[in-house]
Amino acid sequence: MAQDFSGQVAIITGGSDGIGFATAALLAKRGAHVVICGRRAELSTPG
């Protein structure tokens, strides 16, 4: 059973790749508004 995060806000640090990125993607898929930050600009995608 998937939890619904609609209307919730999640702040993910270390979201450039790995567990942070996967967590951000999952929360967004389940309806959360996600803010991601990371230190490696070369891994970020525009848009």
N, C-alpha and C. Protein backbone atom coordinates (compact mmCIF):
# COMPACT_ATOMS: atom_id res chain seq x y z
N MET A 1 0.85 -1.18 0.00
CA MET A 1 0.00 0.00 0.00
C MET A 1 0.89 1.24 0.00
N ALA A 2 0.74 2.06 -1.00
CA ALA A 2 1.55 3.28 -1.14
C ALA A 2 0.93 4.42 -0.34
N GLN A 3 1.76 5.14 0.35
CA GLN A 3 1.28 6.29 1.13
C GLN A 3 1.13 7.49 0.20
N ASP A 4 0.06 8.27 0.41
CA ASP A 4 -0.21 9.46 -0.38
C ASP A 4 0.38 10.68 0.32
N PHE A 5 1.24 11.42 -0.38
CA PHE A 5 1.86 12.61 0.18
C PHE A 5 1.31 13.89 -0.46
N SER A 6 0.14 13.82 -1.05
CA SER A 6 -0.46 15.00 -1.69
C SER A 6 -0.59 16.14 -0.70
N GLY A 7 -0.18 17.34 -1.14
CA GLY A 7 -0.26 18.52 -0.31
C GLY A 7 0.87 18.68 0.69
N GLN A 8 1.78 17.72 0.75
CA GLN A 8 2.91 17.78 1.66
C GLN A 8 4.12 18.37 0.94
N VAL A 9 5.04 18.93 1.70
CA VAL A 9 6.28 19.47 1.14
C VAL A 9 7.44 18.68 1.72
N ALA A 10 8.34 18.24 0.86
CA ALA A 10 9.53 17.50 1.29
C ALA A 10 10.77 18.27 0.85
N ILE A 11 11.72 18.44 1.75
CA ILE A 11 13.00 19.06 1.43
C ILE A 11 14.05 17.96 1.48
N ILE A 12 14.69 17.71 0.34
CA ILE A 12 15.67 16.64 0.24
C ILE A 12 17.06 17.25 0.06
N THR A 13 17.95 16.95 0.99
CA THR A 13 19.35 17.38 0.84
C THR A 13 20.14 16.19 0.30
N GLY A 14 21.17 16.47 -0.45
CA GLY A 14 21.95 15.39 -1.06
C GLY A 14 21.15 14.70 -2.15
N GLY A 15 20.37 15.47 -2.89
CA GLY A 15 19.48 14.88 -3.89
C GLY A 15 20.05 14.80 -5.29
N SER A 16 21.35 14.99 -5.46
CA SER A 16 21.95 14.95 -6.80
C SER A 16 21.90 13.56 -7.42
N ASP A 17 22.05 12.53 -6.59
CA ASP A 17 22.00 11.16 -7.08
C ASP A 17 21.79 10.21 -5.91
N GLY A 18 21.82 8.94 -6.18
CA GLY A 18 21.73 7.93 -5.14
C GLY A 18 20.42 7.93 -4.37
N ILE A 19 20.52 7.67 -3.07
CA ILE A 19 19.35 7.55 -2.22
C ILE A 19 18.55 8.85 -2.17
N GLY A 20 19.24 9.99 -2.11
CA GLY A 20 18.54 11.27 -2.07
C GLY A 20 17.69 11.50 -3.30
N PHE A 21 18.25 11.22 -4.47
CA PHE A 21 17.52 11.39 -5.73
C PHE A 21 16.34 10.43 -5.79
N ALA A 22 16.56 9.18 -5.41
CA ALA A 22 15.50 8.18 -5.45
C ALA A 22 14.36 8.55 -4.49
N THR A 23 14.72 9.05 -3.32
CA THR A 23 13.72 9.47 -2.35
C THR A 23 12.89 10.62 -2.89
N ALA A 24 13.56 11.61 -3.47
CA ALA A 24 12.85 12.76 -4.05
C ALA A 24 11.90 12.31 -5.16
N ALA A 25 12.36 11.43 -6.02
CA ALA A 25 11.52 10.95 -7.12
C ALA A 25 10.30 10.20 -6.59
N LEU A 26 10.49 9.37 -5.59
CA LEU A 26 9.38 8.60 -5.02
C LEU A 26 8.35 9.51 -4.35
N LEU A 27 8.84 10.48 -3.58
CA LEU A 27 7.91 11.40 -2.92
C LEU A 27 7.13 12.22 -3.94
N ALA A 28 7.80 12.68 -4.99
CA ALA A 28 7.11 13.43 -6.04
C ALA A 28 6.07 12.56 -6.74
N LYS A 29 6.42 11.32 -7.01
CA LYS A 29 5.48 10.40 -7.65
C LYS A 29 4.24 10.17 -6.79
N ARG A 30 4.42 10.25 -5.48
CA ARG A 30 3.31 10.03 -4.55
C ARG A 30 2.60 11.32 -4.16
N GLY A 31 2.91 12.42 -4.87
CA GLY A 31 2.13 13.64 -4.73
C GLY A 31 2.73 14.78 -3.94
N ALA A 32 3.92 14.61 -3.38
CA ALA A 32 4.54 15.68 -2.59
C ALA A 32 5.14 16.75 -3.49
N HIS A 33 5.19 17.96 -2.98
CA HIS A 33 5.96 19.03 -3.61
C HIS A 33 7.37 18.86 -3.07
N VAL A 34 8.34 18.71 -3.95
CA VAL A 34 9.70 18.34 -3.53
C VAL A 34 10.69 19.45 -3.86
N VAL A 35 11.50 19.81 -2.88
CA VAL A 35 12.61 20.75 -3.06
C VAL A 35 13.89 19.93 -2.88
N ILE A 36 14.78 20.01 -3.86
CA ILE A 36 16.00 19.21 -3.83
C ILE A 36 17.21 20.13 -3.84
N CYS A 37 18.19 19.82 -3.02
CA CYS A 37 19.46 20.54 -3.11
C CYS A 37 20.59 19.52 -3.07
N GLY A 38 21.68 19.90 -3.70
CA GLY A 38 22.87 19.06 -3.75
C GLY A 38 24.07 19.92 -4.03
N ARG A 39 25.26 19.34 -3.92
CA ARG A 39 26.48 20.11 -4.09
C ARG A 39 27.10 19.95 -5.47
N ARG A 40 26.70 18.98 -6.24
CA ARG A 40 27.37 18.71 -7.52
C ARG A 40 26.52 19.17 -8.68
N ALA A 41 26.83 20.36 -9.18
CA ALA A 41 26.04 20.98 -10.27
C ALA A 41 26.06 20.14 -11.54
N GLU A 42 27.12 19.40 -11.80
CA GLU A 42 27.22 18.63 -13.03
C GLU A 42 26.18 17.51 -13.09
N LEU A 43 25.60 17.13 -11.95
CA LEU A 43 24.57 16.10 -11.94
C LEU A 43 23.17 16.64 -12.04
N SER A 44 23.01 17.94 -11.91
CA SER A 44 21.67 18.51 -11.93
C SER A 44 21.15 18.59 -13.36
N THR A 45 19.84 18.49 -13.50
CA THR A 45 19.22 18.59 -14.82
C THR A 45 18.36 19.85 -14.87
N PRO A 46 18.42 20.59 -15.94
CA PRO A 46 17.63 21.81 -16.05
C PRO A 46 16.14 21.50 -16.15
N GLY A 47 15.33 22.41 -15.65
CA GLY A 47 13.92 22.32 -15.88
C GLY A 47 13.13 21.91 -14.72
